[in-house]
Amino acid sequence: MSHQDAPDAGATLQVSDTLEAIRRRPERFLPADEPLALAIVSLLLETALRQGVAPLTMRAGEGFRAIGADRDWLWREEGGEPYVFDHLVPLPGPVQNSFRGEILLTAFAPFWAAVTQGRVVYRSSARFDDARVLQAAAGMGAFVVVVAEAAQASAL
C-alpha cells in the first residue's frame, strides 16, 4: 500500500479527555493496596518534594489525609504550571514516567479542599463543613490540602 492509499489516520484517531482516560484506568495511576486518600496525598508529597517544598507536614485523621507546607505549590506560584488539575504534567527533574499528583485530586478524590492562612480558598464540593476542614488543617502550615477518605467523603 502506498502512502497515498493509506487510510486517513485522523479519521480513526480519537483524542480522549485526559481525566476520563485516567478514570477509566485507575490501576495505572493508583496503587491497588493503598487507601485512595493516602495514594493521592503520597503523590502530592512527591510533587511538593520535587519542587523543593520543605518542610512538609502529613496528617491522617478521622476520615481524611492532609499535607501542609509553608507555601502554596499547587497553582498560584509565579511561573507555576496552569493545567496540573486536568492534564498529566511531568514531575520536574530527571524522573521517567512520572506525573504531578494534582490531577488525581480532580480525577478520584471524593472531596478535597485547599486552606491558605487559615481560610478555605478552594473546595471541590459545597457540601461540607468549613470548620471541619479548618480543624483538619490546623497547625500544618500556611498552605494545606485536605483529602477525604472515600468512605468518609460525606463527613467533611
N, C-alpha and C. Protein backbone atom coordinates (compact mmCIF):
# COMPACT_ATOMS: atom_id res chain seq x y z
N MET A 1 0.85 -1.17 0.00
CA MET A 1 0.00 0.00 0.00
C MET A 1 0.89 1.23 0.00
N SER A 2 0.64 2.13 -0.89
CA SER A 2 1.43 3.36 -0.94
C SER A 2 0.94 4.33 0.12
N HIS A 3 1.73 5.35 0.37
CA HIS A 3 1.38 6.36 1.35
C HIS A 3 0.05 7.02 0.99
N GLN A 4 -0.18 7.21 -0.31
CA GLN A 4 -1.42 7.86 -0.75
C GLN A 4 -2.63 6.97 -0.52
N ASP A 5 -2.45 5.64 -0.51
CA ASP A 5 -3.56 4.72 -0.33
C ASP A 5 -3.89 4.46 1.14
N ALA A 6 -3.02 4.89 2.04
CA ALA A 6 -3.22 4.62 3.46
C ALA A 6 -4.46 5.36 3.95
N PRO A 7 -5.24 4.71 4.83
CA PRO A 7 -6.42 5.40 5.37
C PRO A 7 -5.99 6.62 6.17
N ASP A 8 -6.83 7.61 6.18
CA ASP A 8 -6.56 8.84 6.91
C ASP A 8 -6.55 8.56 8.41
N ALA A 9 -5.38 8.67 9.03
CA ALA A 9 -5.26 8.39 10.46
C ALA A 9 -6.14 9.32 11.28
N GLY A 10 -6.31 10.54 10.83
CA GLY A 10 -7.14 11.49 11.56
C GLY A 10 -8.59 11.08 11.62
N ALA A 11 -9.04 10.29 10.66
CA ALA A 11 -10.43 9.85 10.65
C ALA A 11 -10.71 8.81 11.72
N THR A 12 -9.69 8.05 12.14
CA THR A 12 -9.91 6.99 13.12
C THR A 12 -9.31 7.27 14.48
N LEU A 13 -8.36 8.19 14.54
CA LEU A 13 -7.70 8.51 15.80
C LEU A 13 -8.58 9.45 16.61
N GLN A 14 -8.85 9.08 17.86
CA GLN A 14 -9.64 9.93 18.73
C GLN A 14 -8.80 10.36 19.91
N VAL A 15 -8.76 11.64 20.17
CA VAL A 15 -8.05 12.16 21.32
C VAL A 15 -9.07 12.22 22.46
N SER A 16 -8.78 11.49 23.51
CA SER A 16 -9.74 11.44 24.62
C SER A 16 -9.42 12.50 25.66
N ASP A 17 -10.40 12.81 26.45
CA ASP A 17 -10.24 13.71 27.57
C ASP A 17 -9.29 13.04 28.57
N THR A 18 -8.29 13.77 29.01
CA THR A 18 -7.29 13.21 29.92
C THR A 18 -7.91 12.66 31.19
N LEU A 19 -8.81 13.42 31.80
CA LEU A 19 -9.43 12.97 33.05
C LEU A 19 -10.23 11.69 32.84
N GLU A 20 -10.98 11.62 31.76
CA GLU A 20 -11.76 10.41 31.50
C GLU A 20 -10.85 9.21 31.26
N ALA A 21 -9.76 9.41 30.55
CA ALA A 21 -8.81 8.33 30.31
C ALA A 21 -8.23 7.82 31.63
N ILE A 22 -7.91 8.73 32.54
CA ILE A 22 -7.38 8.33 33.85
C ILE A 22 -8.43 7.60 34.66
N ARG A 23 -9.65 8.10 34.66
CA ARG A 23 -10.74 7.47 35.43
C ARG A 23 -11.07 6.07 34.91
N ARG A 24 -10.90 5.85 33.61
CA ARG A 24 -11.18 4.52 33.05
C ARG A 24 -10.12 3.50 33.43
N ARG A 25 -8.90 3.94 33.75
CA ARG A 25 -7.79 3.04 34.06
C ARG A 25 -7.12 3.43 35.37
N PRO A 26 -7.84 3.44 36.49
CA PRO A 26 -7.24 3.87 37.75
C PRO A 26 -6.04 3.03 38.18
N GLU A 27 -6.01 1.77 37.76
CA GLU A 27 -4.90 0.90 38.13
C GLU A 27 -3.56 1.38 37.57
N ARG A 28 -3.58 2.20 36.56
CA ARG A 28 -2.35 2.76 36.00
C ARG A 28 -1.81 3.93 36.82
N PHE A 29 -2.65 4.50 37.66
CA PHE A 29 -2.28 5.73 38.36
C PHE A 29 -2.30 5.61 39.88
N LEU A 30 -2.99 4.60 40.39
CA LEU A 30 -3.14 4.44 41.84
C LEU A 30 -2.72 3.04 42.25
N PRO A 31 -2.00 2.91 43.35
CA PRO A 31 -1.68 1.57 43.84
C PRO A 31 -2.94 0.89 44.37
N ALA A 32 -3.08 -0.38 44.09
CA ALA A 32 -4.27 -1.12 44.50
C ALA A 32 -4.30 -1.43 45.99
N ASP A 33 -3.14 -1.37 46.65
CA ASP A 33 -3.07 -1.78 48.05
C ASP A 33 -3.05 -0.62 49.04
N GLU A 34 -3.40 0.60 48.60
CA GLU A 34 -3.43 1.76 49.49
C GLU A 34 -4.81 2.39 49.47
N PRO A 35 -5.24 2.95 50.59
CA PRO A 35 -6.48 3.74 50.56
C PRO A 35 -6.35 4.91 49.59
N LEU A 36 -7.44 5.30 48.98
CA LEU A 36 -7.42 6.33 47.95
C LEU A 36 -6.77 7.63 48.42
N ALA A 37 -7.20 8.15 49.56
CA ALA A 37 -6.65 9.43 50.03
C ALA A 37 -5.15 9.32 50.30
N LEU A 38 -4.69 8.20 50.82
CA LEU A 38 -3.26 8.00 51.06
C LEU A 38 -2.48 8.01 49.75
N ALA A 39 -3.00 7.34 48.73
CA ALA A 39 -2.33 7.31 47.43
C ALA A 39 -2.23 8.71 46.83
N ILE A 40 -3.30 9.49 46.93
CA ILE A 40 -3.29 10.84 46.38
C ILE A 40 -2.32 11.72 47.15
N VAL A 41 -2.39 11.70 48.48
CA VAL A 41 -1.50 12.55 49.29
C VAL A 41 -0.05 12.12 49.11
N SER A 42 0.21 10.84 48.92
CA SER A 42 1.58 10.38 48.69
C SER A 42 2.16 10.97 47.40
N LEU A 43 1.35 11.01 46.35
CA LEU A 43 1.84 11.60 45.10
C LEU A 43 1.95 13.12 45.23
N LEU A 44 1.07 13.75 45.99
CA LEU A 44 1.22 15.19 46.26
C LEU A 44 2.51 15.46 47.02
N LEU A 45 2.85 14.57 47.95
CA LEU A 45 4.10 14.70 48.69
C LEU A 45 5.29 14.66 47.74
N GLU A 46 5.31 13.69 46.85
CA GLU A 46 6.40 13.60 45.88
C GLU A 46 6.44 14.84 44.99
N THR A 47 5.27 15.32 44.57
CA THR A 47 5.19 16.52 43.74
C THR A 47 5.81 17.71 44.46
N ALA A 48 5.45 17.90 45.72
CA ALA A 48 5.98 19.02 46.50
C ALA A 48 7.48 18.89 46.71
N LEU A 49 7.93 17.70 47.08
CA LEU A 49 9.36 17.48 47.31
C LEU A 49 10.19 17.75 46.06
N ARG A 50 9.70 17.31 44.90
CA ARG A 50 10.45 17.51 43.65
C ARG A 50 10.49 18.98 43.24
N GLN A 51 9.62 19.80 43.83
CA GLN A 51 9.64 21.24 43.57
C GLN A 51 10.40 21.99 44.66
N GLY A 52 11.04 21.25 45.56
CA GLY A 52 11.84 21.87 46.60
C GLY A 52 11.04 22.44 47.76
N VAL A 53 9.81 22.00 47.92
CA VAL A 53 8.98 22.47 49.02
C VAL A 53 9.34 21.69 50.28
N ALA A 54 9.76 22.40 51.30
CA ALA A 54 10.09 21.77 52.59
C ALA A 54 10.09 22.87 53.64
N PRO A 55 9.75 22.59 54.83
CA PRO A 55 9.30 21.31 55.36
C PRO A 55 7.85 21.02 54.96
N LEU A 56 7.50 19.76 55.02
CA LEU A 56 6.14 19.31 54.75
C LEU A 56 5.61 18.59 55.98
N THR A 57 4.31 18.70 56.19
CA THR A 57 3.65 18.02 57.29
C THR A 57 2.57 17.12 56.72
N MET A 58 2.50 15.89 57.21
CA MET A 58 1.45 14.96 56.78
C MET A 58 0.62 14.61 58.00
N ARG A 59 -0.67 14.40 57.77
CA ARG A 59 -1.54 14.02 58.87
C ARG A 59 -2.64 13.08 58.35
N ALA A 60 -2.92 12.06 59.14
CA ALA A 60 -4.07 11.20 58.89
C ALA A 60 -5.02 11.41 60.05
N GLY A 61 -6.25 11.77 59.74
CA GLY A 61 -7.24 12.00 60.77
C GLY A 61 -8.47 11.17 60.51
N GLU A 62 -9.49 11.43 61.27
CA GLU A 62 -10.74 10.69 61.11
C GLU A 62 -11.41 11.10 59.79
N GLY A 63 -11.28 10.26 58.80
CA GLY A 63 -11.92 10.49 57.52
C GLY A 63 -11.14 11.32 56.52
N PHE A 64 -9.87 11.66 56.81
CA PHE A 64 -9.13 12.49 55.87
C PHE A 64 -7.64 12.21 55.95
N ARG A 65 -6.94 12.67 54.93
CA ARG A 65 -5.48 12.76 54.90
C ARG A 65 -5.16 14.20 54.51
N ALA A 66 -4.05 14.72 55.00
CA ALA A 66 -3.71 16.11 54.68
C ALA A 66 -2.20 16.25 54.53
N ILE A 67 -1.80 17.24 53.74
CA ILE A 67 -0.41 17.59 53.55
C ILE A 67 -0.31 19.11 53.66
N GLY A 68 0.65 19.57 54.45
CA GLY A 68 0.80 21.01 54.67
C GLY A 68 2.22 21.47 54.41
N ALA A 69 2.35 22.74 54.07
CA ALA A 69 3.65 23.36 53.78
C ALA A 69 3.59 24.84 54.13
N ASP A 70 4.73 25.47 54.07
CA ASP A 70 4.79 26.90 54.34
C ASP A 70 4.46 27.74 53.11
N ARG A 71 4.31 27.10 51.96
CA ARG A 71 3.94 27.85 50.75
C ARG A 71 3.05 27.00 49.85
N ASP A 72 2.28 27.68 49.02
CA ASP A 72 1.36 27.05 48.09
C ASP A 72 2.13 26.59 46.85
N TRP A 73 2.24 25.31 46.66
CA TRP A 73 2.96 24.79 45.50
C TRP A 73 2.01 24.34 44.39
N LEU A 74 0.71 24.35 44.63
CA LEU A 74 -0.22 23.79 43.66
C LEU A 74 -0.40 24.63 42.41
N TRP A 75 -0.95 25.82 42.56
CA TRP A 75 -1.27 26.53 41.33
C TRP A 75 -1.02 28.03 41.35
N ARG A 76 -0.79 28.63 42.46
CA ARG A 76 -0.67 30.08 42.48
C ARG A 76 0.77 30.59 42.48
N GLU A 77 1.73 29.72 42.39
CA GLU A 77 3.11 30.20 42.34
C GLU A 77 3.39 30.85 40.99
N GLU A 78 4.17 31.90 41.02
CA GLU A 78 4.53 32.56 39.77
C GLU A 78 5.30 31.58 38.89
N GLY A 79 4.88 31.49 37.66
CA GLY A 79 5.52 30.56 36.74
C GLY A 79 5.04 29.13 36.92
N GLY A 80 4.01 28.92 37.76
CA GLY A 80 3.50 27.58 38.01
C GLY A 80 2.77 27.01 36.81
N GLU A 81 2.69 25.72 36.75
CA GLU A 81 2.02 25.01 35.66
C GLU A 81 0.51 25.22 35.80
N PRO A 82 -0.17 25.79 34.79
CA PRO A 82 -1.58 26.12 34.93
C PRO A 82 -2.54 24.93 34.75
N TYR A 83 -2.09 23.81 34.26
CA TYR A 83 -3.00 22.72 33.92
C TYR A 83 -2.84 21.48 34.79
N VAL A 84 -2.31 21.62 35.98
CA VAL A 84 -1.99 20.45 36.79
C VAL A 84 -3.23 19.68 37.25
N PHE A 85 -4.41 20.28 37.19
CA PHE A 85 -5.62 19.62 37.67
C PHE A 85 -6.38 18.87 36.59
N ASP A 86 -6.03 19.06 35.32
CA ASP A 86 -6.76 18.36 34.27
C ASP A 86 -5.89 17.78 33.16
N HIS A 87 -4.57 17.85 33.33
CA HIS A 87 -3.64 17.26 32.37
C HIS A 87 -2.54 16.51 33.12
N LEU A 88 -1.97 15.53 32.48
CA LEU A 88 -0.80 14.87 33.05
C LEU A 88 0.39 15.78 32.81
N VAL A 89 0.98 16.26 33.88
CA VAL A 89 2.13 17.16 33.82
C VAL A 89 3.30 16.43 34.46
N PRO A 90 4.44 16.30 33.77
CA PRO A 90 5.56 15.56 34.34
C PRO A 90 6.11 16.23 35.60
N LEU A 91 6.61 15.42 36.50
CA LEU A 91 7.31 15.95 37.66
C LEU A 91 8.59 16.62 37.20
N PRO A 92 9.01 17.67 37.88
CA PRO A 92 10.28 18.30 37.49
C PRO A 92 11.46 17.37 37.78
N GLY A 93 12.50 17.50 37.01
CA GLY A 93 13.69 16.70 37.23
C GLY A 93 13.73 15.46 36.34
N PRO A 94 14.79 14.70 36.49
CA PRO A 94 15.01 13.54 35.62
C PRO A 94 14.27 12.28 36.11
N VAL A 95 12.96 12.35 36.19
CA VAL A 95 12.16 11.22 36.65
C VAL A 95 11.33 10.73 35.48
N GLN A 96 11.55 9.51 35.05
CA GLN A 96 10.81 8.97 33.91
C GLN A 96 9.47 8.44 34.37
N ASN A 97 8.49 8.54 33.47
CA ASN A 97 7.15 8.00 33.70
C ASN A 97 6.54 8.49 35.02
N SER A 98 6.65 9.77 35.28
CA SER A 98 6.10 10.32 36.50
C SER A 98 5.20 11.50 36.14
N PHE A 99 4.33 11.85 37.06
CA PHE A 99 3.44 12.98 36.83
C PHE A 99 3.11 13.65 38.15
N ARG A 100 2.71 14.92 38.06
CA ARG A 100 2.33 15.65 39.26
C ARG A 100 1.01 15.10 39.79
N GLY A 101 0.87 15.12 41.10
CA GLY A 101 -0.27 14.47 41.75
C GLY A 101 -1.58 15.21 41.74
N GLU A 102 -1.58 16.49 41.38
CA GLU A 102 -2.81 17.27 41.45
C GLU A 102 -3.94 16.71 40.59
N ILE A 103 -3.60 16.10 39.48
CA ILE A 103 -4.64 15.57 38.60
C ILE A 103 -5.45 14.46 39.30
N LEU A 104 -4.82 13.75 40.24
CA LEU A 104 -5.54 12.71 40.97
C LEU A 104 -6.61 13.30 41.87
N LEU A 105 -6.40 14.53 42.34
CA LEU A 105 -7.45 15.21 43.12
C LEU A 105 -8.71 15.35 42.27
N THR A 106 -8.53 15.83 41.05
CA THR A 106 -9.67 16.04 40.16
C THR A 106 -10.28 14.72 39.70
N ALA A 107 -9.45 13.76 39.40
CA ALA A 107 -9.94 12.50 38.83
C ALA A 107 -10.61 11.59 39.86
N PHE A 108 -10.07 11.53 41.10
CA PHE A 108 -10.52 10.49 42.03
C PHE A 108 -10.97 10.93 43.41
N ALA A 109 -10.51 12.06 43.91
CA ALA A 109 -10.82 12.43 45.29
C ALA A 109 -12.32 12.67 45.45
N PRO A 110 -12.95 12.01 46.43
CA PRO A 110 -14.37 12.23 46.66
C PRO A 110 -14.64 13.65 47.16
N PHE A 111 -13.65 14.23 47.81
CA PHE A 111 -13.71 15.61 48.27
C PHE A 111 -12.30 16.06 48.59
N TRP A 112 -11.97 17.32 48.27
CA TRP A 112 -10.70 17.88 48.70
C TRP A 112 -10.86 19.39 48.84
N ALA A 113 -10.01 19.96 49.67
CA ALA A 113 -10.03 21.40 49.90
C ALA A 113 -8.61 21.91 50.07
N ALA A 114 -8.42 23.17 49.72
CA ALA A 114 -7.15 23.86 49.95
C ALA A 114 -7.39 24.96 50.96
N VAL A 115 -6.48 25.04 51.93
CA VAL A 115 -6.57 26.03 53.00
C VAL A 115 -5.31 26.87 52.98
N THR A 116 -5.47 28.20 52.94
CA THR A 116 -4.34 29.12 52.97
C THR A 116 -4.54 30.10 54.12
N GLN A 117 -3.51 30.20 54.95
CA GLN A 117 -3.52 31.14 56.07
C GLN A 117 -4.81 31.03 56.90
N GLY A 118 -5.27 29.81 57.13
CA GLY A 118 -6.41 29.59 57.99
C GLY A 118 -7.77 29.84 57.38
N ARG A 119 -7.84 29.93 56.05
CA ARG A 119 -9.16 30.04 55.43
C ARG A 119 -9.23 29.13 54.21
N VAL A 120 -10.41 28.59 53.98
CA VAL A 120 -10.63 27.69 52.85
C VAL A 120 -10.67 28.53 51.57
N VAL A 121 -9.75 28.25 50.64
CA VAL A 121 -9.68 29.00 49.39
C VAL A 121 -10.19 28.20 48.19
N TYR A 122 -10.33 26.89 48.36
CA TYR A 122 -10.91 26.05 47.31
C TYR A 122 -11.51 24.83 47.96
N ARG A 123 -12.63 24.40 47.44
CA ARG A 123 -13.24 23.13 47.84
C ARG A 123 -13.87 22.49 46.60
N SER A 124 -13.77 21.20 46.51
CA SER A 124 -14.29 20.51 45.34
C SER A 124 -15.80 20.32 45.40
N SER A 125 -16.38 20.60 46.54
CA SER A 125 -17.82 20.44 46.72
C SER A 125 -18.30 21.46 47.74
N ALA A 126 -19.51 21.91 47.58
CA ALA A 126 -20.09 22.86 48.55
C ALA A 126 -20.71 22.12 49.73
N ARG A 127 -20.76 20.80 49.69
CA ARG A 127 -21.43 20.02 50.72
C ARG A 127 -20.45 19.54 51.79
N PHE A 128 -19.90 20.47 52.55
CA PHE A 128 -19.04 20.10 53.65
C PHE A 128 -19.01 21.25 54.65
N ASP A 129 -18.50 21.00 55.81
CA ASP A 129 -18.42 21.97 56.87
C ASP A 129 -17.03 22.62 56.87
N ASP A 130 -16.96 23.94 56.63
CA ASP A 130 -15.67 24.64 56.62
C ASP A 130 -14.91 24.45 57.93
N ALA A 131 -15.64 24.48 59.03
CA ALA A 131 -15.00 24.34 60.34
C ALA A 131 -14.27 23.01 60.45
N ARG A 132 -14.83 21.94 59.91
CA ARG A 132 -14.21 20.61 59.95
C ARG A 132 -12.92 20.59 59.14
N VAL A 133 -12.95 21.23 57.96
CA VAL A 133 -11.75 21.27 57.12
C VAL A 133 -10.67 22.11 57.81
N LEU A 134 -11.05 23.24 58.37
CA LEU A 134 -10.08 24.09 59.07
C LEU A 134 -9.49 23.37 60.27
N GLN A 135 -10.30 22.58 60.95
CA GLN A 135 -9.80 21.78 62.08
C GLN A 135 -8.78 20.76 61.57
N ALA A 136 -9.06 20.12 60.45
CA ALA A 136 -8.13 19.14 59.89
C ALA A 136 -6.82 19.78 59.48
N ALA A 137 -6.86 21.05 59.07
CA ALA A 137 -5.67 21.74 58.57
C ALA A 137 -4.90 22.48 59.67
N ALA A 138 -5.47 22.59 60.83
CA ALA A 138 -4.87 23.39 61.90
C ALA A 138 -3.45 22.94 62.23
N GLY A 139 -2.54 23.92 62.28
CA GLY A 139 -1.16 23.65 62.68
C GLY A 139 -0.29 22.95 61.66
N MET A 140 -0.76 22.86 60.41
CA MET A 140 0.00 22.12 59.40
C MET A 140 0.81 23.02 58.47
N GLY A 141 0.76 24.32 58.64
CA GLY A 141 1.50 25.22 57.78
C GLY A 141 0.58 26.25 57.15
N ALA A 142 1.19 27.13 56.38
CA ALA A 142 0.45 28.21 55.74
C ALA A 142 -0.45 27.72 54.62
N PHE A 143 -0.14 26.57 54.03
CA PHE A 143 -0.91 26.02 52.93
C PHE A 143 -1.14 24.54 53.18
N VAL A 144 -2.39 24.11 53.12
CA VAL A 144 -2.73 22.72 53.41
C VAL A 144 -3.74 22.20 52.38
N VAL A 145 -3.55 20.96 51.95
CA VAL A 145 -4.53 20.27 51.11
C VAL A 145 -5.11 19.14 51.97
N VAL A 146 -6.44 19.12 52.07
CA VAL A 146 -7.15 18.10 52.84
C VAL A 146 -7.90 17.23 51.83
N VAL A 147 -7.71 15.90 51.92
CA VAL A 147 -8.34 14.95 51.01
C VAL A 147 -9.16 13.98 51.85
N ALA A 148 -10.45 13.84 51.51
CA ALA A 148 -11.33 12.93 52.24
C ALA A 148 -11.07 11.49 51.84
N GLU A 149 -11.18 10.62 52.84
CA GLU A 149 -11.16 9.18 52.56
C GLU A 149 -12.45 8.85 51.82
N ALA A 150 -12.43 7.88 50.93
CA ALA A 150 -13.59 7.57 50.10
C ALA A 150 -14.85 7.28 50.91
N ALA A 151 -14.73 6.48 51.93
CA ALA A 151 -15.89 6.10 52.73
C ALA A 151 -16.38 7.24 53.62
N GLN A 152 -15.55 8.26 53.82
CA GLN A 152 -15.88 9.34 54.74
C GLN A 152 -16.17 10.66 54.04
N ALA A 153 -16.34 10.66 52.73
CA ALA A 153 -16.47 11.92 51.99
C ALA A 153 -17.63 12.78 52.52
N SER A 154 -18.68 12.17 52.98
CA SER A 154 -19.81 12.97 53.47
C SER A 154 -19.55 13.54 54.85
N ALA A 155 -18.53 13.06 55.57
CA ALA A 155 -18.24 13.56 56.92
C ALA A 155 -17.67 14.96 56.89
N LEU A 156 -16.97 15.32 55.82
CA LEU A 156 -16.44 16.67 55.71
C LEU A 156 -17.51 17.51 55.13
